C-alpha cells in the first residue's frame, strides 16, 4: 500500500490556536525542522512534542494564507545547498516559545552535500489547516531569503558586472583628470578616488581592492555599518570564534544569527564594549540579543524599584535561567566584564550605581531606542552606565525592537515601575510586579 503524506496539528498546537482565538492572542510560527524519522516512516501523532530524529532546523522563509482555501496556512523555507547528508521523512513547525505546533509525514527525500558529488537547494513546503488563521501570526523571519543557489549566483554575477562597469568608469574619469592636472602640478591627483573607495556607503560598491588600494574592511567599524541577516549555523564554529578573537569578524555582519537549542541569537554589535569599564575590556567581542523573549519574569515581587536594577529580583534571581541557557549555547565564550548598574533609588529615580562583574544583563533604553524615554535618574549615569548608544542592530532594523511581546528594560522609571518595550510598539513602563519577557544582551569572544 502506498504511503500517505500529510500534516496534522499537535495537541499543543490545537490548544494554543484555540486559546489564541478565545483570548485575542497570537500564535507566532518561527521555525521549521526536518527529521529522518529514526530511519523509517511513521505516522505522526497529536501528542508529539518533537520530531523522532531531528536532522536540520531553520527559520521559516515564507508563510501565507492560501488564496483559494482561507483555512490553509502555507509554510515554506529553503534548506541551503551547504547543508545536507541526511534523509528527510518528517517535518515540524515550531512557534516562538519552542513548542511543536504541527508535524508532518514527508515524502522520503535525500538532501545531498558536496561530498556526495551533488549539491542542491531544497525548498520544503507544508500546509496547515486551522479553523481561524487570524489567530496565527503570518510573520516571516526577515533575515531569511527564499532563494535558490542558482538565483543567488545569478544575482551575484549581475552585481559583479555592474560593479566592474562602474569601476571602469571611475578609473577612466581619474585618468582624464590626471592627464589634465599633470602638466600643471607635475603629479597625479588621487584624492577624489581615495575618498570614493574609502566611503563605505559609496553607491556603486567600489572597493579599495578593486582599484589597487589596501582594503580596510575587516574591523568592527565596517562590520557595524552593514546589515545582512545571514544564518551562521547551529553553533559557533572554531573558525568563527577565531575571527572574533582576531577582530576581523570575517563573514559576520549585523543581523547575522545562530540558532542554538531552538533560540535565535542575533549579532547586535561588534566591539560595543571596547575599552569600557573601570577595568578596560580590551578583547574583541560580538554582542548578541535573542530574536524573541526567552521566558517571562517579574522585576520584583511587589511594585517597588527600591535598590535600583541591582536590587531587583530580576537581577538576583530572574536572569539565572537566561544565563544557564546562554552559557550552554556558548560554553567558555561568554564575556564577563565590568558594567555600571543602578543600585539605589530616591523619589522614584535612580540615585546611585556601582561597578559590577557582569555577563548577561537586561538592556537599557539607550541601547534599544538610542536615547532616554521613560527612565528617571538624579544623574543620567545611573540608568545608562556604559551602554550610552543604540545597538547597531536596532539602528538598522527598528522593527526588531517591537516583537509583539512586552519585554523588560533595566531603567528605573518611577518608585514602582521599570522601563519596557511594549507589545504594542510603545516605549513603555510596567509595574515592577508585572510579568513581562526577558530578552537580555550579552557578548561572546
Protein backbone atom coordinates (compact mmCIF):
# COMPACT_ATOMS: atom_id res chain seq x y z
CA UNK A 1 0.00 0.00 0.00
CA UNK A 2 1.37 3.40 -0.96
CA UNK A 3 2.40 5.74 1.86
CA UNK A 4 0.10 8.68 2.61
CA UNK A 5 1.73 12.02 3.31
CA UNK A 6 0.01 14.65 5.44
CA UNK A 7 0.39 17.26 8.18
CA UNK A 8 -1.53 17.41 11.49
CA UNK A 9 -1.74 19.93 14.30
CA UNK A 10 -0.36 18.65 17.58
CA UNK A 11 -2.43 18.73 20.77
CA UNK A 12 -0.29 21.66 21.93
CA UNK A 13 -0.82 23.41 18.59
CA UNK A 14 -4.60 22.93 18.73
CA UNK A 15 -4.74 24.22 22.30
CA UNK A 16 -2.62 27.26 21.54
CA UNK A 17 -4.66 28.24 18.49
CA UNK A 18 -7.93 27.71 20.39
CA UNK A 19 -6.66 29.84 23.29
CA UNK A 20 -5.43 32.48 20.87
CA UNK A 21 -8.85 32.68 19.27
CA UNK A 22 -10.61 32.92 22.63
CA UNK A 23 -8.21 35.35 24.30
CA UNK A 24 -7.30 37.51 21.32
CA UNK A 25 -3.65 36.49 21.40
CA UNK A 26 -1.42 35.18 18.64
CA UNK A 27 0.49 32.02 17.84
CA UNK A 28 3.75 33.04 16.14
CA UNK A 29 5.29 30.43 13.83
CA UNK A 30 9.07 30.88 13.60
CA UNK A 31 10.98 27.70 12.73
CA UNK A 32 10.68 24.61 10.55
CA UNK A 33 12.55 21.42 11.46
CA UNK A 34 13.24 18.28 9.43
CA UNK A 35 13.97 14.74 10.59
CA UNK A 36 14.72 11.31 9.21
CA UNK A 37 12.05 9.55 11.31
CA UNK A 38 14.71 7.49 13.05
CA UNK A 39 15.36 5.54 9.86
CA UNK A 40 11.86 4.80 8.58
CA UNK A 41 8.40 6.23 8.00
CA UNK A 42 5.96 6.53 10.89
CA UNK A 43 2.52 8.07 11.33
CA UNK A 44 2.71 11.36 13.26
CA UNK A 45 0.52 11.71 16.36
CA UNK A 46 -1.07 14.66 18.12
CA UNK A 47 0.82 14.02 21.36
CA UNK A 48 4.24 14.61 19.77
CA UNK A 49 6.31 17.43 21.23
CA UNK A 50 9.34 16.91 18.99
CA UNK A 51 10.41 15.05 15.87
CA UNK A 52 11.61 11.49 16.24
CA UNK A 53 15.09 12.35 14.98
CA UNK A 54 15.68 15.97 14.00
CA UNK A 55 18.45 16.50 11.43
CA UNK A 56 18.01 20.17 10.48
CA UNK A 57 16.23 23.30 11.71
CA UNK A 58 15.94 26.78 10.26
CA UNK A 59 13.85 29.94 10.31
CA UNK A 60 10.68 29.98 8.22
CA UNK A 61 11.29 31.74 4.91
CA UNK A 62 7.73 32.31 3.68
CA UNK A 63 4.28 31.92 5.25
CA UNK A 64 0.91 32.91 3.86
CA UNK A 65 -2.78 32.03 3.69
CA UNK A 66 -3.82 30.08 0.60
CA UNK A 67 -5.79 32.27 -1.80
CA UNK A 68 -8.42 29.61 -2.54
CA UNK A 69 -8.56 27.90 0.88
CA UNK A 70 -8.71 30.54 3.63
CA UNK A 71 -8.15 27.95 6.39
CA UNK A 72 -4.88 26.76 4.86
CA UNK A 73 -1.58 28.23 6.02
CA UNK A 74 1.25 27.51 3.56
CA UNK A 75 4.76 27.47 5.03
CA UNK A 76 7.96 27.33 3.01
CA UNK A 77 11.66 27.57 3.67
CA UNK A 78 14.91 26.71 1.89
CA UNK A 79 17.48 24.20 3.12
CA UNK A 80 20.66 25.77 1.67
CA UNK A 81 22.96 23.76 -0.57
CA UNK A 82 25.73 23.60 2.05
CA UNK A 83 23.50 21.67 4.48
CA UNK A 84 22.78 18.02 3.82
CA UNK A 85 23.95 14.44 4.07
CA UNK A 86 20.65 13.31 5.57
CA UNK A 87 17.32 11.74 4.63
CA UNK A 88 14.02 13.57 5.24
CA UNK A 89 10.86 11.70 6.27
CA UNK A 90 9.28 14.05 8.85
CA UNK A 91 8.81 17.80 9.29
CA UNK A 92 7.67 20.01 12.15
CA UNK A 93 6.66 23.64 12.67
CA UNK A 94 7.65 25.35 15.95
CA UNK A 95 6.43 28.61 17.48
CA UNK A 96 8.44 31.37 19.15
CA UNK A 97 8.13 29.58 22.51
CA UNK A 98 9.73 26.41 21.15
CA UNK A 99 6.53 24.31 21.06
CA UNK A 100 5.81 21.87 18.23
CA UNK A 101 2.63 23.23 16.61
CA UNK A 102 2.34 20.87 13.65
CA UNK A 103 4.05 17.69 12.46
CA UNK A 104 4.02 16.13 9.02
CA UNK A 105 4.86 12.87 7.26
CA UNK A 106 7.17 13.91 4.43
CA UNK A 107 7.99 12.03 1.18
CA UNK A 108 11.37 10.37 1.59
CA UNK A 109 13.96 12.80 0.20
CA UNK A 110 17.75 12.70 0.40
CA UNK A 111 19.48 16.08 0.84
CA UNK A 112 22.99 15.76 -0.66
CA UNK A 113 26.18 17.65 0.15
CA UNK A 114 29.24 18.30 -1.98
CA UNK A 115 30.93 15.11 -0.73
CA UNK A 116 28.13 13.13 -2.40
CA UNK A 117 29.07 14.61 -5.77
CA UNK A 118 25.97 16.77 -5.98
CA UNK A 119 24.55 19.80 -4.18
CA UNK A 120 21.16 21.47 -4.39
CA UNK A 121 18.90 23.89 -2.58
CA UNK A 122 15.80 22.17 -1.26
CA UNK A 123 12.52 24.07 -0.89
CA UNK A 124 10.35 22.49 1.83
CA UNK A 125 6.61 23.25 1.78
CA UNK A 126 3.99 22.39 4.44
CA UNK A 127 0.27 23.14 4.59
CA UNK A 128 -1.50 23.60 7.93
CA UNK A 129 -5.29 23.58 8.15
CA UNK A 130 -6.65 25.68 11.02
CA UNK A 131 -10.10 26.90 11.87
CA UNK A 132 -9.05 30.51 12.42
CA UNK A 133 -5.98 31.76 10.52
CA UNK A 134 -6.39 35.17 12.16
CA UNK A 135 -5.07 33.64 15.39
CA UNK A 136 -1.79 32.71 13.74
CA UNK A 137 0.84 35.39 13.14
CA UNK A 138 1.86 35.16 9.49
CA UNK A 139 5.29 36.61 10.16
CA UNK A 140 8.35 35.75 8.10
CA UNK A 141 11.81 35.96 9.64
CA UNK A 142 13.10 38.99 7.67
CA UNK A 143 16.64 37.59 7.81
CA UNK A 144 15.67 34.57 5.68
CA UNK A 145 15.61 34.95 1.91
CA UNK A 146 13.66 32.29 -0.01
CA UNK A 147 16.08 31.91 -2.91
CA UNK A 148 17.88 29.04 -4.59
CA UNK A 149 21.66 28.91 -5.05
CA UNK A 150 21.16 29.43 -8.79
CA UNK A 151 19.23 32.64 -8.12
CA UNK A 152 21.92 33.83 -5.72
CA UNK A 153 24.69 33.06 -8.22
CA UNK A 154 22.85 34.90 -11.00
CA UNK A 155 22.31 37.92 -8.74
CA UNK A 156 25.99 37.94 -7.78
CA UNK A 157 27.01 37.78 -11.45
CA UNK A 158 24.78 40.75 -12.30
CA UNK A 159 26.14 42.72 -9.32
CA UNK A 160 29.75 41.96 -10.31
CA UNK A 161 29.15 43.05 -13.90
CA UNK A 162 27.61 46.30 -12.68
CA UNK A 163 30.45 46.95 -10.24
CA UNK A 164 33.14 46.23 -12.86
CA UNK A 165 31.46 48.67 -15.23
CA UNK A 166 31.32 51.38 -12.57
CA UNK A 167 34.97 50.82 -11.59
CA UNK A 168 35.98 51.20 -15.20
CA UNK A 169 34.09 54.50 -15.44
CA UNK A 170 35.71 55.83 -12.26
CA UNK A 171 39.16 54.78 -13.49
CA UNK A 172 38.59 56.46 -16.85
CA UNK A 173 37.46 59.66 -15.15
CA UNK A 174 40.53 59.59 -12.92
CA UNK A 175 42.86 59.04 -15.88
CA UNK A 176 41.34 62.02 -17.65
CA UNK A 177 41.66 64.12 -14.51
CA UNK A 178 45.30 63.13 -14.04
CA UNK A 179 46.11 63.85 -17.68
CA UNK A 180 44.64 67.33 -17.34
CA UNK A 181 46.32 68.02 -13.99
CA UNK A 182 49.79 66.59 -14.66
CA UNK A 183 51.08 69.40 -16.90
CA UNK A 184 50.25 71.94 -14.20
CA UNK A 185 51.13 70.14 -11.00
CA UNK A 186 53.67 67.58 -12.07
CA UNK A 187 51.91 64.72 -10.19
CA UNK A 188 48.77 62.63 -10.36
CA UNK A 189 45.77 63.65 -8.27
CA UNK A 190 44.20 60.66 -6.47
CA UNK A 191 42.42 62.32 -3.58
CA UNK A 192 38.95 62.11 -5.14
CA UNK A 193 39.28 58.38 -5.80
CA UNK A 194 40.76 57.73 -2.35
CA UNK A 195 37.74 59.41 -0.80
CA UNK A 196 35.39 57.45 -3.05
CA UNK A 197 36.74 53.97 -2.34
CA UNK A 198 37.09 54.63 1.38
CA UNK A 199 33.49 55.76 1.70
CA UNK A 200 31.80 52.57 2.90
CA UNK A 201 28.45 53.92 1.76
CA UNK A 202 29.59 54.59 -1.82
CA UNK A 203 26.61 53.87 -4.07
CA UNK A 204 28.41 51.62 -6.53
CA UNK A 205 30.11 49.27 -4.07
CA UNK A 206 33.58 50.12 -5.39
CA UNK A 207 36.19 48.66 -3.06
CA UNK A 208 39.74 49.72 -2.41
CA UNK A 209 40.95 46.30 -3.53
CA UNK A 210 39.37 46.75 -6.97
CA UNK A 211 41.48 49.83 -7.67
CA UNK A 212 44.68 48.57 -6.13
CA UNK A 213 44.46 50.14 -2.67
CA UNK A 214 44.71 48.15 0.56
CA UNK A 215 41.26 47.08 1.86
CA UNK A 216 40.40 48.07 5.42
CA UNK A 217 37.01 46.42 5.82
CA UNK A 218 37.83 43.70 8.34
CA UNK A 219 37.23 45.70 11.51
CA UNK A 220 34.43 46.41 13.95
CA UNK A 221 33.52 49.81 12.47
CA UNK A 222 32.94 48.46 8.99
CA UNK A 223 31.03 45.38 10.14
CA UNK A 224 28.82 47.52 12.40
CA UNK A 225 27.79 49.55 9.34
CA UNK A 226 26.30 46.67 7.33
CA UNK A 227 23.10 44.73 7.99
CA UNK A 228 22.98 41.31 6.33
CA UNK A 229 20.86 38.85 8.36
CA UNK A 230 22.53 35.57 7.36
CA UNK A 231 22.08 32.22 9.16
CA UNK A 232 25.53 31.32 10.54
CA UNK A 233 24.78 27.80 11.78
CA UNK A 234 23.54 25.86 14.78
CA UNK A 235 26.72 26.55 16.73
CA UNK A 236 29.63 28.98 16.64
CA UNK A 237 32.44 27.19 14.85
CA UNK A 238 36.10 27.33 15.95
CA UNK A 239 36.83 29.34 12.80
CA UNK A 240 34.14 31.88 13.69
CA UNK A 241 35.47 32.22 17.24
CA UNK A 242 38.94 32.77 15.75
CA UNK A 243 37.65 35.61 13.53
CA UNK A 244 36.01 37.21 16.58
CA UNK A 245 39.19 36.87 18.63
CA UNK A 246 41.42 38.45 15.96
CA UNK A 247 38.99 41.35 15.48
CA UNK A 248 38.45 40.85 11.74
CA UNK A 249 34.90 39.47 12.21
CA UNK A 250 35.27 37.94 8.75
CA UNK A 251 31.94 36.89 7.17
CA UNK A 252 29.93 38.21 10.12
CA UNK A 253 27.66 41.26 9.95
CA UNK A 254 24.84 42.90 11.91
CA UNK A 255 21.69 40.79 11.87
CA UNK A 256 23.54 37.52 11.19
CA UNK A 257 22.45 34.86 13.63
CA UNK A 258 22.99 31.42 15.09
CA UNK A 259 20.03 29.19 16.03
CA UNK A 260 21.09 27.10 19.03
CA UNK A 261 18.77 24.84 21.02
CA UNK A 262 15.83 26.46 19.27
CA UNK A 263 16.84 30.03 20.19
CA UNK A 264 17.87 32.60 17.59
CA UNK A 265 20.84 34.68 18.76
CA UNK A 266 21.31 37.78 16.57
CA UNK A 267 24.51 39.81 16.19
CA UNK A 268 23.69 43.27 17.55
CA UNK A 269 27.14 44.91 17.62
CA UNK A 270 30.87 44.38 17.18
CA UNK A 271 33.21 45.56 19.97
CA UNK A 272 30.36 47.56 21.54
CA UNK A 273 32.06 47.47 24.96
CA UNK A 274 35.63 48.04 23.76
CA UNK A 275 37.72 49.97 26.31
CA UNK A 276 34.79 50.39 28.74
CA UNK A 277 34.70 49.57 32.45
CA UNK A 278 36.75 50.61 35.47
CA UNK A 279 38.95 47.75 34.24
CA UNK A 280 39.03 48.20 30.46
CA UNK A 281 37.61 45.46 28.25
CA UNK A 282 40.23 45.03 25.52
CA UNK A 283 39.35 41.65 23.99
CA UNK A 284 37.43 41.63 20.71
CA UNK A 285 33.81 40.55 21.10
CA UNK A 286 30.41 40.26 19.45
CA UNK A 287 27.30 41.40 21.33
CA UNK A 288 24.20 39.26 20.81
CA UNK A 289 20.49 39.55 21.62
CA UNK A 290 17.83 36.81 21.31
CA UNK A 291 15.40 37.17 18.44
CA UNK A 292 12.50 36.89 20.90
CA UNK A 293 11.97 36.77 24.66
CA UNK A 294 13.44 33.70 26.36
CA UNK A 295 10.75 33.47 29.04
CA UNK A 296 8.74 35.75 31.36
CA UNK A 297 9.50 37.06 34.86
CA UNK A 298 8.79 39.91 37.27
CA UNK A 299 11.25 42.65 38.17
CA UNK A 300 10.17 42.42 41.83
CA UNK A 301 7.50 40.57 43.77
CA UNK A 302 5.99 43.91 44.80
CA UNK A 303 5.62 47.20 42.95
CA UNK A 304 8.91 48.77 44.01
CA UNK A 305 12.13 49.88 42.36
CA UNK A 306 13.97 50.21 45.65
CA UNK A 307 17.58 49.16 45.25
CA UNK A 308 17.53 50.01 41.55
CA UNK A 309 18.26 47.34 38.98
CA UNK A 310 20.91 45.61 41.11
CA UNK A 311 18.43 45.35 43.97
CA UNK A 312 15.70 43.78 41.84
CA UNK A 313 14.59 40.15 41.93
CA UNK A 314 15.24 40.08 38.20
CA UNK A 315 18.93 40.80 38.77
CA UNK A 316 19.35 38.47 41.75
CA UNK A 317 17.22 35.53 40.52
CA UNK A 318 15.31 36.19 37.32
CA UNK A 319 18.29 36.11 34.96
CA UNK A 320 19.56 32.75 36.22
CA UNK A 321 17.66 30.79 33.59
CA UNK A 322 18.90 33.07 30.79
CA UNK A 323 22.50 32.74 32.00
CA UNK A 324 22.17 28.96 32.05
CA UNK A 325 20.75 28.87 28.50
CA UNK A 326 23.37 31.27 27.14
CA UNK A 327 26.37 29.62 28.82
CA UNK A 328 25.15 26.26 27.50
CA UNK A 329 24.89 27.67 23.96
CA UNK A 330 28.29 29.43 24.07
CA UNK A 331 30.34 27.40 26.60
CA UNK A 332 33.50 29.16 27.74
CA UNK A 333 32.97 32.13 25.45
CA UNK A 334 30.51 34.41 27.29
CA UNK A 335 32.39 37.59 28.22
CA UNK A 336 32.41 38.74 31.85
CA UNK A 337 33.36 42.39 32.12
CA UNK A 338 32.70 45.45 34.25
CA UNK A 339 29.41 47.34 33.95
CA UNK A 340 27.97 50.26 35.88
CA UNK A 341 24.45 49.49 37.16
CA UNK A 342 21.96 51.38 39.35
CA UNK A 343 21.75 50.13 42.94
CA UNK A 344 19.60 52.73 44.73
CA UNK A 345 16.59 54.97 44.15
CA UNK A 346 15.22 58.18 45.62
CA UNK A 347 11.79 59.68 44.92
CA UNK A 348 11.26 57.28 42.01
CA UNK A 349 14.63 58.00 40.38
CA UNK A 350 17.84 56.01 40.15
CA UNK A 351 20.12 57.75 42.61
CA UNK A 352 23.31 55.67 42.81
CA UNK A 353 25.24 52.98 40.97
CA UNK A 354 28.23 50.66 41.24
CA UNK A 355 30.70 48.75 39.09
CA UNK A 356 29.92 45.02 38.99
CA UNK A 357 31.24 41.92 37.23
CA UNK A 358 28.65 41.24 34.56
CA UNK A 359 27.92 38.90 31.66
CA UNK A 360 24.18 38.65 30.88
CA UNK A 361 22.01 41.71 31.60
CA UNK A 362 18.79 43.41 30.57
CA UNK A 363 19.29 46.18 28.02
CA UNK A 364 18.61 49.83 28.79
CA UNK A 365 16.66 52.41 26.81
CA UNK A 366 19.78 53.88 25.21
CA UNK A 367 20.76 50.50 23.73
CA UNK A 368 17.30 49.96 22.26
CA UNK A 369 15.97 53.42 21.35
CA UNK A 370 19.17 55.44 21.15
CA UNK A 371 18.09 57.75 23.99
CA UNK A 372 16.22 58.03 27.28
CA UNK A 373 12.41 57.81 27.02
CA UNK A 374 10.86 56.90 30.37
CA UNK A 375 13.94 56.40 32.54
CA UNK A 376 14.34 58.70 35.56
CA UNK A 377 17.61 59.31 37.38
CA UNK A 378 19.05 62.06 39.54
CA UNK A 379 22.11 61.66 37.35
CA UNK A 380 21.80 60.04 33.92
CA UNK A 381 24.75 57.75 34.53
CA UNK A 382 22.81 55.61 36.99
CA UNK A 383 20.37 54.20 34.45
CA UNK A 384 22.64 54.42 31.43
CA UNK A 385 26.03 53.24 32.66
CA UNK A 386 28.47 52.34 29.88
CA UNK A 387 25.71 51.47 27.36
CA UNK A 388 25.17 55.00 26.10
CA UNK A 389 24.49 54.40 22.41
CA UNK A 390 21.99 52.43 20.32
CA UNK A 391 22.98 48.94 19.28
CA UNK A 392 23.63 48.84 15.51
CA UNK A 393 21.07 46.03 15.14
CA UNK A 394 18.27 48.33 16.28
CA UNK A 395 19.66 51.27 14.32
CA UNK A 396 19.47 49.22 11.11
CA UNK A 397 16.26 47.34 11.94
CA UNK A 398 13.79 49.28 14.07
CA UNK A 399 11.22 46.52 13.50
CA UNK A 400 13.32 44.10 15.57
CA UNK A 401 12.62 46.25 18.65
CA UNK A 402 8.87 45.66 18.59
CA UNK A 403 8.42 41.87 18.50
CA UNK A 404 4.74 41.82 19.61
CA UNK A 405 5.80 40.73 23.08
CA UNK A 406 6.41 43.07 26.02
CA UNK A 407 9.96 42.80 27.39
CA UNK A 408 11.80 44.39 30.29
CA UNK A 409 14.50 47.06 30.18
CA UNK A 410 16.55 47.85 33.29
CA UNK A 411 15.85 51.60 33.59
CA UNK A 412 14.13 52.86 36.75
CA UNK A 413 11.10 54.94 35.69
CA UNK A 414 9.26 55.62 38.95
CA UNK A 415 9.00 54.40 42.52
CA UNK A 416 7.08 51.35 41.29
CA UNK A 417 7.96 50.99 37.60
CA UNK A 418 10.76 49.83 35.30
CA UNK A 419 11.03 50.52 31.57
CA UNK A 420 9.69 48.09 28.95
CA UNK A 421 9.31 47.67 25.23
CA UNK A 422 5.56 47.21 24.79
CA UNK A 423 3.98 44.53 22.64
CA UNK A 424 2.02 47.39 21.05
CA UNK A 425 5.21 49.05 19.81
CA UNK A 426 5.33 51.67 22.57
CA UNK A 427 8.30 52.78 24.63
CA UNK A 428 6.58 51.99 27.90
CA UNK A 429 6.97 51.24 31.62
CA UNK A 430 5.46 48.46 33.73
CA UNK A 431 4.77 47.97 37.42
CA UNK A 432 7.67 46.02 38.91
CA UNK A 433 5.46 43.06 39.89
CA UNK A 434 4.03 42.67 36.37
CA UNK A 435 5.12 39.70 34.28
CA UNK A 436 6.99 40.56 31.06
CA UNK A 437 9.53 38.97 28.76
CA UNK A 438 13.23 38.51 29.44
CA UNK A 439 15.38 39.49 26.42
CA UNK A 440 18.91 40.17 27.65
CA UNK A 441 22.10 41.21 25.87
CA UNK A 442 25.50 39.54 26.25
CA UNK A 443 28.80 39.26 24.43
CA UNK A 444 30.95 36.37 23.22
CA UNK A 445 34.64 36.28 22.36
